[in-house]
């Protein structure tokens, strides 16, 4: 489990921030005696200090990578559309909400919805095989 922002701030206070009152090894030992359930290494103390020097914060930085196709707002829109018309197909949902059809299907499966399947036309004049 990661450290809370309060614990990261406490590590910086123990270090003395820019004054360097204590060494990283001393801070590591002090922190580990105070929080035995959250043991940190000297490398962790170093990373927290360098992150604070570089970014000026102990908050978690935003993650990189592609954004999700369905955010909470889109999920609510899809659910409300299905409540209005339960016979809406996944293709039309994908078209209306600008998301991939497979993502819509995955969301429906997670929410225990069963997507509408268009019935196939049966011709009774054909003989069975």
C-alpha atoms as a PDB file:
ATOM      1  CA  UNK A   1       0.000   0.000   0.000  1.00  0.00           C
ATOM      2  CA  UNK A   2       1.271   3.476  -0.825  1.00  0.00           C
ATOM      3  CA  UNK A   3       1.915   6.292   1.554  1.00  0.00           C
ATOM      4  CA  UNK A   4      -0.713   8.920   2.251  1.00  0.00           C
ATOM      5  CA  UNK A   5      -0.037  12.555   1.447  1.00  0.00           C
ATOM      6  CA  UNK A   6       0.184  13.248   5.172  1.00  0.00           C
ATOM      7  CA  UNK A   7       2.918  10.622   5.589  1.00  0.00           C
ATOM      8  CA  UNK A   8       4.859  11.990   2.602  1.00  0.00           C
ATOM      9  CA  UNK A   9       4.637  15.477   4.116  1.00  0.00           C
ATOM     10  CA  UNK A  10       5.879  14.094   7.416  1.00  0.00           C
ATOM     11  CA  UNK A  11       8.899  12.567   5.666  1.00  0.00           C
ATOM     12  CA  UNK A  12       9.719  15.977   4.178  1.00  0.00           C
ATOM     13  CA  UNK A  13       9.375  17.611   7.595  1.00  0.00           C
ATOM     14  CA  UNK A  14      11.677  14.995   9.125  1.00  0.00           C
ATOM     15  CA  UNK A  15      14.190  15.689   6.363  1.00  0.00           C
ATOM     16  CA  UNK A  16      14.016  19.381   7.127  1.00  0.00           C
ATOM     17  CA  UNK A  17      13.114  20.058   3.461  1.00  0.00           C
ATOM     18  CA  UNK A  18      15.843  22.334   2.071  1.00  0.00           C
ATOM     19  CA  UNK A  19      17.857  22.532   5.309  1.00  0.00           C
ATOM     20  CA  UNK A  20      18.815  18.822   5.285  1.00  0.00           C
ATOM     21  CA  UNK A  21      18.806  18.527   9.086  1.00  0.00           C
ATOM     22  CA  UNK A  22      18.770  14.713   8.985  1.00  0.00           C
ATOM     23  CA  UNK A  23      20.113  12.219   6.505  1.00  0.00           C
ATOM     24  CA  UNK A  24      17.769  10.023   4.487  1.00  0.00           C
ATOM     25  CA  UNK A  25      18.804   6.959   6.491  1.00  0.00           C
ATOM     26  CA  UNK A  26      17.931   8.710   9.770  1.00  0.00           C
ATOM     27  CA  UNK A  27      14.560   9.822   8.397  1.00  0.00           C
ATOM     28  CA  UNK A  28      13.898   6.276   7.205  1.00  0.00           C
ATOM     29  CA  UNK A  29      14.639   4.865  10.676  1.00  0.00           C
ATOM     30  CA  UNK A  30      12.501   7.498  12.444  1.00  0.00           C
ATOM     31  CA  UNK A  31       9.568   6.986  10.093  1.00  0.00           C
ATOM     32  CA  UNK A  32       9.732   3.186  10.368  1.00  0.00           C
ATOM     33  CA  UNK A  33       9.644   3.344  14.188  1.00  0.00           C
ATOM     34  CA  UNK A  34       6.631   5.676  14.108  1.00  0.00           C
ATOM     35  CA  UNK A  35       4.751   3.721  11.389  1.00  0.00           C
ATOM     36  CA  UNK A  36       5.748   0.047  11.682  1.00  0.00           C
ATOM     37  CA  UNK A  37       2.889  -0.998   9.360  1.00  0.00           C
ATOM     38  CA  UNK A  38       4.222   1.249   6.539  1.00  0.00           C
ATOM     39  CA  UNK A  39       7.926   0.486   6.316  1.00  0.00           C
ATOM     40  CA  UNK A  40       9.801   2.701   3.858  1.00  0.00           C
ATOM     41  CA  UNK A  41      13.252   2.317   2.383  1.00  0.00           C
ATOM     42  CA  UNK A  42      15.890   4.970   1.958  1.00  0.00           C
ATOM     43  CA  UNK A  43      15.105   4.962  -1.763  1.00  0.00           C
ATOM     44  CA  UNK A  44      11.472   5.847  -1.047  1.00  0.00           C
ATOM     45  CA  UNK A  45      12.559   8.801   1.079  1.00  0.00           C
ATOM     46  CA  UNK A  46      14.869   9.909  -1.735  1.00  0.00           C
ATOM     47  CA  UNK A  47      12.093   9.635  -4.356  1.00  0.00           C
ATOM     48  CA  UNK A  48       9.673  11.657  -2.216  1.00  0.00           C
ATOM     49  CA  UNK A  49      12.291  14.373  -1.708  1.00  0.00           C
ATOM     50  CA  UNK A  50      13.210  14.575  -5.412  1.00  0.00           C
ATOM     51  CA  UNK A  51       9.537  14.576  -6.446  1.00  0.00           C
ATOM     52  CA  UNK A  52       8.931  17.493  -4.083  1.00  0.00           C
ATOM     53  CA  UNK A  53      11.947  19.375  -5.438  1.00  0.00           C
ATOM     54  CA  UNK A  54      10.937  18.795  -9.065  1.00  0.00           C
ATOM     55  CA  UNK A  55       7.154  19.309  -8.900  1.00  0.00           C
ATOM     56  CA  UNK A  56       6.715  21.228  -5.641  1.00  0.00           C
ATOM     57  CA  UNK A  57       4.011  18.879  -4.372  1.00  0.00           C
ATOM     58  CA  UNK A  58       3.506  15.590  -2.565  1.00  0.00           C
ATOM     59  CA  UNK A  59       0.163  14.955  -4.296  1.00  0.00           C
ATOM     60  CA  UNK A  60      -0.157  12.099  -6.779  1.00  0.00           C
ATOM     61  CA  UNK A  61       0.581  13.362 -10.278  1.00  0.00           C
ATOM     62  CA  UNK A  62      -1.878  12.667 -13.116  1.00  0.00           C
ATOM     63  CA  UNK A  63      -1.311   9.355 -14.861  1.00  0.00           C
ATOM     64  CA  UNK A  64      -0.230   9.195 -18.458  1.00  0.00           C
ATOM     65  CA  UNK A  65      -1.923   7.135 -21.107  1.00  0.00           C
ATOM     66  CA  UNK A  66      -5.076   6.970 -23.112  1.00  0.00           C
ATOM     67  CA  UNK A  67      -8.302   8.200 -21.536  1.00  0.00           C
ATOM     68  CA  UNK A  68     -11.125   5.750 -20.984  1.00  0.00           C
ATOM     69  CA  UNK A  69     -13.740   5.507 -23.717  1.00  0.00           C
ATOM     70  CA  UNK A  70     -16.574   5.469 -21.167  1.00  0.00           C
ATOM     71  CA  UNK A  71     -16.445   7.936 -18.313  1.00  0.00           C
ATOM     72  CA  UNK A  72     -19.078   8.038 -15.567  1.00  0.00           C
ATOM     73  CA  UNK A  73     -21.205  10.558 -17.455  1.00  0.00           C
ATOM     74  CA  UNK A  74     -21.351   8.383 -20.583  1.00  0.00           C
ATOM     75  CA  UNK A  75     -22.171   5.322 -18.482  1.00  0.00           C
ATOM     76  CA  UNK A  76     -25.114   7.153 -16.914  1.00  0.00           C
ATOM     77  CA  UNK A  77     -26.301   8.288 -20.356  1.00  0.00           C
ATOM     78  CA  UNK A  78     -26.157   4.725 -21.678  1.00  0.00           C
ATOM     79  CA  UNK A  79     -28.029   3.360 -18.659  1.00  0.00           C
ATOM     80  CA  UNK A  80     -30.744   6.014 -18.965  1.00  0.00           C
ATOM     81  CA  UNK A  81     -31.108   5.329 -22.689  1.00  0.00           C
ATOM     82  CA  UNK A  82     -31.538   1.626 -21.938  1.00  0.00           C
ATOM     83  CA  UNK A  83     -34.183   2.401 -19.326  1.00  0.00           C
ATOM     84  CA  UNK A  84     -36.109   4.468 -21.870  1.00  0.00           C
ATOM     85  CA  UNK A  85     -35.830   1.833 -24.587  1.00  0.00           C
ATOM     86  CA  UNK A  86     -34.605  -1.612 -23.519  1.00  0.00           C
ATOM     87  CA  UNK A  87     -34.637  -2.767 -27.167  1.00  0.00           C
ATOM     88  CA  UNK A  88     -31.750  -0.490 -28.153  1.00  0.00           C
ATOM     89  CA  UNK A  89     -28.946  -2.398 -29.850  1.00  0.00           C
ATOM     90  CA  UNK A  90     -25.280  -2.130 -28.922  1.00  0.00           C
ATOM     91  CA  UNK A  91     -24.490  -0.810 -32.401  1.00  0.00           C
ATOM     92  CA  UNK A  92     -26.890   2.110 -32.015  1.00  0.00           C
ATOM     93  CA  UNK A  93     -25.633   2.765 -28.467  1.00  0.00           C
ATOM     94  CA  UNK A  94     -22.063   2.838 -29.757  1.00  0.00           C
ATOM     95  CA  UNK A  95     -23.035   5.204 -32.562  1.00  0.00           C
ATOM     96  CA  UNK A  96     -25.001   7.532 -30.234  1.00  0.00           C
ATOM     97  CA  UNK A  97     -22.300   7.730 -27.564  1.00  0.00           C
ATOM     98  CA  UNK A  98     -19.203   7.714 -29.783  1.00  0.00           C
ATOM     99  CA  UNK A  99     -17.672   4.629 -28.179  1.00  0.00           C
ATOM    100  CA  UNK A 100     -16.588   1.235 -29.540  1.00  0.00           C
ATOM    101  CA  UNK A 101     -19.277  -1.445 -29.704  1.00  0.00           C
ATOM    102  CA  UNK A 102     -17.153  -3.909 -27.733  1.00  0.00           C
ATOM    103  CA  UNK A 103     -16.722  -1.355 -24.934  1.00  0.00           C
ATOM    104  CA  UNK A 104     -20.497  -0.904 -24.798  1.00  0.00           C
ATOM    105  CA  UNK A 105     -20.985  -4.689 -24.657  1.00  0.00           C
ATOM    106  CA  UNK A 106     -18.419  -5.010 -21.859  1.00  0.00           C
ATOM    107  CA  UNK A 107     -20.160  -2.261 -19.868  1.00  0.00           C
ATOM    108  CA  UNK A 108     -23.537  -3.953 -20.361  1.00  0.00           C
ATOM    109  CA  UNK A 109     -22.132  -7.272 -19.153  1.00  0.00           C
ATOM    110  CA  UNK A 110     -20.640  -5.636 -16.051  1.00  0.00           C
ATOM    111  CA  UNK A 111     -23.983  -4.005 -15.256  1.00  0.00           C
ATOM    112  CA  UNK A 112     -25.867  -7.288 -15.863  1.00  0.00           C
ATOM    113  CA  UNK A 113     -27.770  -5.940 -18.873  1.00  0.00           C
ATOM    114  CA  UNK A 114     -28.525  -8.266 -21.752  1.00  0.00           C
ATOM    115  CA  UNK A 115     -28.110  -6.527 -25.108  1.00  0.00           C
ATOM    116  CA  UNK A 116     -31.021  -6.584 -27.487  1.00  0.00           C
ATOM    117  CA  UNK A 117     -30.592  -8.939 -30.416  1.00  0.00           C
ATOM    118  CA  UNK A 118     -32.606  -8.355 -33.554  1.00  0.00           C
ATOM    119  CA  UNK A 119     -34.706 -11.416 -34.377  1.00  0.00           C
ATOM    120  CA  UNK A 120     -33.774 -13.281 -37.511  1.00  0.00           C
ATOM    121  CA  UNK A 121     -36.369 -13.805 -40.182  1.00  0.00           C
ATOM    122  CA  UNK A 122     -37.422 -17.420 -40.430  1.00  0.00           C
ATOM    123  CA  UNK A 123     -38.672 -18.685 -43.741  1.00  0.00           C
ATOM    124  CA  UNK A 124     -41.125 -21.541 -43.275  1.00  0.00           C
ATOM    125  CA  UNK A 125     -41.098 -22.597 -46.914  1.00  0.00           C
ATOM    126  CA  UNK A 126     -37.542 -23.962 -46.656  1.00  0.00           C
ATOM    127  CA  UNK A 127     -37.125 -27.591 -45.805  1.00  0.00           C
ATOM    128  CA  UNK A 128     -34.980 -28.562 -42.822  1.00  0.00           C
ATOM    129  CA  UNK A 129     -31.597 -30.050 -43.626  1.00  0.00           C
END
